[in-house]
């Protein structure tokens, strides 16, 4: 490489870094291509999302051959929630309640496991996993797989992290339930965080899949990694109310007015 070529390459890399910091990318895929990176920011007081109808899990759509599920999303936790923690995602108004078989939740700084994210699936007796809260005020890419078969794996920013399993994941079949994001039932356990690219897969994602979603920090659309296994996927572009789901027949209604914010780098929005 000549000195001039080296200089051009270095300048291009620096421009890309600066564009990422402001959440805007120049994309050469044509006028209809996705060329921006956005999410929404939630104030920890009165802002959240909920699905317009029950998420359809048994149909998947299509057939599900395993009881394995993966939750993937980008989260920038702006402050550590006190009390009982901050609810990242939950199906039903309280997944921990008796009779809510097949419900789940993902809770930052769990009251039961302080300093840890707790992932719970109600399978009669239920089972939990926990792993250390990722750091605050920076975007992180979460990939969380639960269920039988490969059982449990968690990747943060493309790397495997240590997980503690509480109980035995004998069955992780999820049931059709209304889902909530960034709060419990739009009424409590409010999250103060930036959020983008929430996806649910009907399969375990491998370490390679997690690495591809992380993509060296630049991110990649969930639909480009095991896309045929997606059962729900919303970009959270911050330009529509309700937010559309790219896979399911439901939409994501807003509680409060969580504003648009520069995203983690994934080119997810027009």
Protein backbone atom coordinates (compact mmCIF):
# COMPACT_ATOMS: atom_id res chain seq x y z
CA UNK A 1 0.00 0.00 0.00
CA UNK A 2 1.38 3.42 -0.97
CA UNK A 3 1.63 6.28 1.56
CA UNK A 4 -1.31 7.99 -0.18
CA UNK A 5 -3.45 4.83 0.02
CA UNK A 6 -2.55 4.42 3.69
CA UNK A 7 -3.57 8.01 4.40
CA UNK A 8 -6.90 7.58 2.59
CA UNK A 9 -7.60 4.35 4.47
CA UNK A 10 -6.84 5.96 7.85
CA UNK A 11 -9.03 8.95 7.02
CA UNK A 12 -11.91 6.69 6.00
CA UNK A 13 -11.67 4.77 9.27
CA UNK A 14 -11.67 8.02 11.27
CA UNK A 15 -14.73 9.32 9.38
CA UNK A 16 -16.56 6.05 10.11
CA UNK A 17 -15.72 6.38 13.82
CA UNK A 18 -17.03 9.95 13.94
CA UNK A 19 -20.21 9.01 12.09
CA UNK A 20 -20.83 6.20 14.55
CA UNK A 21 -20.54 8.58 17.51
CA UNK A 22 -23.40 10.74 16.22
CA UNK A 23 -25.49 7.75 15.16
CA UNK A 24 -25.49 8.56 11.44
CA UNK A 25 -24.01 6.56 8.60
CA UNK A 26 -23.68 7.23 4.90
CA UNK A 27 -24.88 4.06 3.24
CA UNK A 28 -24.39 3.30 -0.45
CA UNK A 29 -27.25 0.83 -0.82
CA UNK A 30 -29.61 3.25 -2.56
CA UNK A 31 -32.24 5.73 -1.40
CA UNK A 32 -34.46 3.08 0.23
CA UNK A 33 -31.63 1.46 2.19
CA UNK A 34 -31.34 1.61 5.96
CA UNK A 35 -28.69 4.21 6.67
CA UNK A 36 -29.15 5.47 10.23
CA UNK A 37 -28.65 4.02 13.69
CA UNK A 38 -31.40 4.88 16.17
CA UNK A 39 -33.10 3.64 19.32
CA UNK A 40 -35.27 5.11 22.05
CA UNK A 41 -34.33 6.42 25.47
CA UNK A 42 -36.45 5.65 28.56
CA UNK A 43 -36.45 7.92 31.61
CA UNK A 44 -36.93 5.35 34.39
CA UNK A 45 -40.16 7.00 35.54
CA UNK A 46 -43.09 6.65 33.14
CA UNK A 47 -41.92 5.41 29.72
CA UNK A 48 -42.20 1.91 28.28
CA UNK A 49 -43.54 -0.25 25.44
CA UNK A 50 -46.12 -3.03 25.21
CA UNK A 51 -47.23 -5.37 22.44
CA UNK A 52 -50.64 -4.67 20.93
CA UNK A 53 -51.58 -8.37 21.13
CA UNK A 54 -50.13 -11.50 22.70
CA UNK A 55 -46.85 -12.58 21.16
CA UNK A 56 -47.39 -15.83 19.27
CA UNK A 57 -44.86 -18.38 20.49
CA UNK A 58 -46.30 -21.89 20.01
CA UNK A 59 -46.84 -21.23 16.27
CA UNK A 60 -43.52 -19.41 16.17
CA UNK A 61 -44.76 -18.68 13.28
CA UNK A 62 -44.33 -22.06 11.64
CA UNK A 63 -43.25 -25.07 13.67
CA UNK A 64 -40.85 -25.04 16.61
CA UNK A 65 -38.76 -28.19 16.92
CA UNK A 66 -37.00 -27.25 20.16
CA UNK A 67 -37.68 -25.57 23.49
CA UNK A 68 -34.81 -23.17 22.95
CA UNK A 69 -35.20 -19.39 22.85
CA UNK A 70 -32.83 -16.47 22.39
CA UNK A 71 -33.40 -12.86 23.40
CA UNK A 72 -31.13 -10.36 21.64
CA UNK A 73 -31.03 -6.58 22.03
CA UNK A 74 -28.84 -3.53 22.48
CA UNK A 75 -29.02 -1.71 25.82
CA UNK A 76 -27.26 1.34 27.23
CA UNK A 77 -28.11 1.31 30.94
CA UNK A 78 -28.00 4.96 32.02
CA UNK A 79 -28.22 4.35 35.78
CA UNK A 80 -28.40 1.39 38.15
CA UNK A 81 -32.03 0.88 39.20
CA UNK A 82 -32.74 0.63 42.89
CA UNK A 83 -35.56 -1.22 44.63
CA UNK A 84 -36.46 -4.43 42.84
CA UNK A 85 -34.50 -3.64 39.67
CA UNK A 86 -35.31 -2.43 36.16
CA UNK A 87 -37.44 -4.61 33.87
CA UNK A 88 -35.88 -4.90 30.43
CA UNK A 89 -38.54 -7.25 29.05
CA UNK A 90 -41.40 -9.34 30.45
CA UNK A 91 -44.39 -11.29 29.21
CA UNK A 92 -47.64 -10.97 31.21
CA UNK A 93 -48.10 -8.38 33.93
CA UNK A 94 -45.98 -10.47 36.32
CA UNK A 95 -44.18 -13.52 34.96
CA UNK A 96 -43.31 -14.68 38.47
CA UNK A 97 -46.95 -15.09 39.50
CA UNK A 98 -48.39 -18.58 39.87
CA UNK A 99 -50.40 -19.78 36.91
CA UNK A 100 -48.25 -17.85 34.41
CA UNK A 101 -46.58 -20.91 32.90
CA UNK A 102 -44.53 -20.01 29.84
CA UNK A 103 -43.98 -16.38 30.88
CA UNK A 104 -40.51 -14.79 31.09
CA UNK A 105 -38.72 -11.71 32.33
CA UNK A 106 -35.28 -10.08 32.00
CA UNK A 107 -34.44 -7.85 34.98
CA UNK A 108 -31.42 -5.55 35.39
CA UNK A 109 -29.93 -5.37 38.92
CA UNK A 110 -32.34 -8.00 40.22
CA UNK A 111 -33.57 -7.74 43.79
CA UNK A 112 -32.92 -11.49 44.20
CA UNK A 113 -29.42 -11.31 42.69
CA UNK A 114 -28.10 -7.77 43.31
CA UNK A 115 -25.55 -6.62 40.77
CA UNK A 116 -26.82 -9.18 38.30
CA UNK A 117 -29.21 -9.44 35.38
CA UNK A 118 -31.83 -12.10 36.15
CA UNK A 119 -33.57 -14.06 33.41
CA UNK A 120 -36.59 -16.03 34.58
CA UNK A 121 -38.83 -18.51 32.74
CA UNK A 122 -41.97 -19.72 34.53
CA UNK A 123 -42.21 -23.45 33.82
CA UNK A 124 -44.28 -24.46 36.83
CA UNK A 125 -41.51 -24.26 39.40
CA UNK A 126 -39.59 -21.94 37.11
CA UNK A 127 -35.89 -21.49 36.65
CA UNK A 128 -33.60 -18.47 36.74
CA UNK A 129 -30.22 -17.59 35.39
CA UNK A 130 -28.13 -14.64 36.47
CA UNK A 131 -25.02 -12.90 35.20
CA UNK A 132 -23.15 -9.74 36.19
CA UNK A 133 -24.76 -6.45 35.17
CA UNK A 134 -22.88 -5.03 32.18
CA UNK A 135 -21.44 -1.56 32.74
CA UNK A 136 -23.59 1.56 32.56
CA UNK A 137 -23.56 4.53 30.14
CA UNK A 138 -22.31 2.51 27.18
CA UNK A 139 -24.15 0.47 24.55
CA UNK A 140 -23.89 -3.31 25.03
CA UNK A 141 -25.08 -6.09 22.76
CA UNK A 142 -26.95 -8.82 24.71
CA UNK A 143 -27.55 -12.36 23.39
CA UNK A 144 -29.31 -14.60 25.93
CA UNK A 145 -30.27 -18.21 25.14
CA UNK A 146 -32.38 -20.31 27.52
CA UNK A 147 -34.00 -23.73 27.36
CA UNK A 148 -33.20 -27.38 26.95
CA UNK A 149 -30.70 -28.92 24.54
CA UNK A 150 -27.85 -26.38 24.51
CA UNK A 151 -29.43 -25.13 27.75
CA UNK A 152 -28.10 -21.69 28.66
CA UNK A 153 -25.60 -19.27 27.15
CA UNK A 154 -25.09 -15.52 27.43
CA UNK A 155 -22.92 -13.31 25.25
CA UNK A 156 -22.23 -9.65 25.94
CA UNK A 157 -20.58 -7.73 23.11
CA UNK A 158 -19.89 -10.98 21.28
CA UNK A 159 -18.10 -12.66 24.20
CA UNK A 160 -19.37 -15.44 26.46
CA UNK A 161 -19.91 -14.43 30.10
CA UNK A 162 -20.19 -16.51 33.25
CA UNK A 163 -23.75 -17.58 34.05
CA UNK A 164 -25.22 -19.01 37.25
CA UNK A 165 -28.20 -21.34 36.80
CA UNK A 166 -30.80 -21.46 39.55
CA UNK A 167 -33.02 -24.51 39.07
CA UNK A 168 -33.14 -26.93 36.14
CA UNK A 169 -34.18 -25.77 32.65
CA UNK A 170 -36.32 -28.83 31.92
CA UNK A 171 -38.78 -27.05 29.64
CA UNK A 172 -38.65 -23.56 28.19
CA UNK A 173 -41.81 -23.54 26.11
CA UNK A 174 -43.07 -19.96 26.00
CA UNK A 175 -46.79 -19.21 25.94
CA UNK A 176 -48.79 -16.55 24.09
CA UNK A 177 -48.61 -13.48 26.32
CA UNK A 178 -48.68 -9.71 26.01
CA UNK A 179 -45.10 -8.47 26.34
CA UNK A 180 -43.72 -5.31 27.95
CA UNK A 181 -40.38 -3.58 27.39
CA UNK A 182 -38.61 -1.20 29.79
CA UNK A 183 -41.12 -1.68 32.66
CA UNK A 184 -43.37 -4.21 34.35
CA UNK A 185 -46.89 -3.86 32.93
CA UNK A 186 -46.27 -0.19 32.04
CA UNK A 187 -46.54 0.62 35.75
CA UNK A 188 -43.46 -0.29 37.81
CA UNK A 189 -39.80 -1.45 37.65
CA UNK A 190 -39.15 1.34 35.13
CA UNK A 191 -35.88 1.21 33.19
CA UNK A 192 -33.63 4.25 32.72
CA UNK A 193 -31.82 3.17 29.59
CA UNK A 194 -31.39 3.49 25.86
CA UNK A 195 -32.79 0.53 23.95
CA UNK A 196 -32.64 -0.73 20.37
CA UNK A 197 -32.98 -3.83 18.17
CA UNK A 198 -35.10 -6.13 20.39
CA UNK A 199 -35.42 -9.63 18.91
CA UNK A 200 -36.65 -13.07 19.98
CA UNK A 201 -35.47 -16.20 18.18
CA UNK A 202 -36.94 -19.70 18.35
CA UNK A 203 -33.47 -21.23 18.52
CA UNK A 204 -30.18 -21.09 20.39
CA UNK A 205 -27.69 -18.65 18.89
CA UNK A 206 -24.12 -19.90 18.71
CA UNK A 207 -20.96 -18.04 19.66
CA UNK A 208 -20.45 -17.33 15.96
CA UNK A 209 -23.96 -15.87 15.72
CA UNK A 210 -23.32 -13.68 18.76
CA UNK A 211 -20.04 -12.50 17.29
CA UNK A 212 -21.77 -11.68 14.02
CA UNK A 213 -24.45 -9.63 15.79
CA UNK A 214 -21.76 -7.73 17.70
CA UNK A 215 -19.75 -7.26 14.49
CA UNK A 216 -16.78 -5.69 16.22
CA UNK A 217 -19.03 -3.11 17.86
CA UNK A 218 -20.61 -1.89 14.62
CA UNK A 219 -23.58 -4.22 15.09
CA UNK A 220 -25.62 -6.12 12.54
CA UNK A 221 -29.36 -6.46 11.91
CA UNK A 222 -30.93 -9.38 13.77
CA UNK A 223 -32.61 -10.40 10.52
CA UNK A 224 -29.18 -11.04 8.98
CA UNK A 225 -28.26 -13.64 11.64
CA UNK A 226 -30.51 -16.73 11.80
CA UNK A 227 -33.26 -14.53 10.41
CA UNK A 228 -35.57 -17.44 9.58
CA UNK A 229 -35.76 -18.24 13.32
CA UNK A 230 -37.02 -14.82 14.41
CA UNK A 231 -40.47 -14.69 16.04
CA UNK A 232 -40.40 -11.01 17.03
CA UNK A 233 -38.12 -8.13 16.01
CA UNK A 234 -38.47 -4.38 16.40
CA UNK A 235 -35.85 -1.79 15.45
CA UNK A 236 -37.15 0.98 17.77
CA UNK A 237 -36.33 3.72 15.26
CA UNK A 238 -38.18 6.33 17.30
CA UNK A 239 -40.13 7.69 14.33
CA UNK A 240 -43.40 5.73 14.56
CA UNK A 241 -46.04 5.29 17.24
CA UNK A 242 -46.71 2.48 17.70
CA UNK A 243 -43.37 0.94 16.76
CA UNK A 244 -43.78 -1.79 14.11
CA UNK A 245 -42.64 -5.38 14.57
CA UNK A 246 -40.78 -6.74 11.56
CA UNK A 247 -41.94 -10.34 12.11
CA UNK A 248 -45.07 -10.55 14.25
CA UNK A 249 -48.57 -9.28 13.55
CA UNK A 250 -48.40 -7.04 16.61
CA UNK A 251 -47.08 -3.53 17.12
CA UNK A 252 -45.38 -1.95 20.15
CA UNK A 253 -47.41 0.83 21.76
CA UNK A 254 -45.78 3.62 23.74
CA UNK A 255 -46.42 4.59 27.33
CA UNK A 256 -45.14 8.11 27.81
CA UNK A 257 -42.92 9.63 25.12
CA UNK A 258 -39.55 7.84 25.00
CA UNK A 259 -37.56 9.96 22.58
CA UNK A 260 -35.42 8.98 19.63
CA UNK A 261 -31.72 8.65 20.39
CA UNK A 262 -28.56 7.83 18.46
CA UNK A 263 -28.31 4.05 18.37
CA UNK A 264 -25.50 1.58 18.95
CA UNK A 265 -24.27 1.64 15.35
CA UNK A 266 -26.55 -0.90 13.66
CA UNK A 267 -27.90 0.56 10.43
CA UNK A 268 -31.47 -0.18 11.44
CA UNK A 269 -33.52 2.83 10.32
CA UNK A 270 -34.22 4.83 7.14
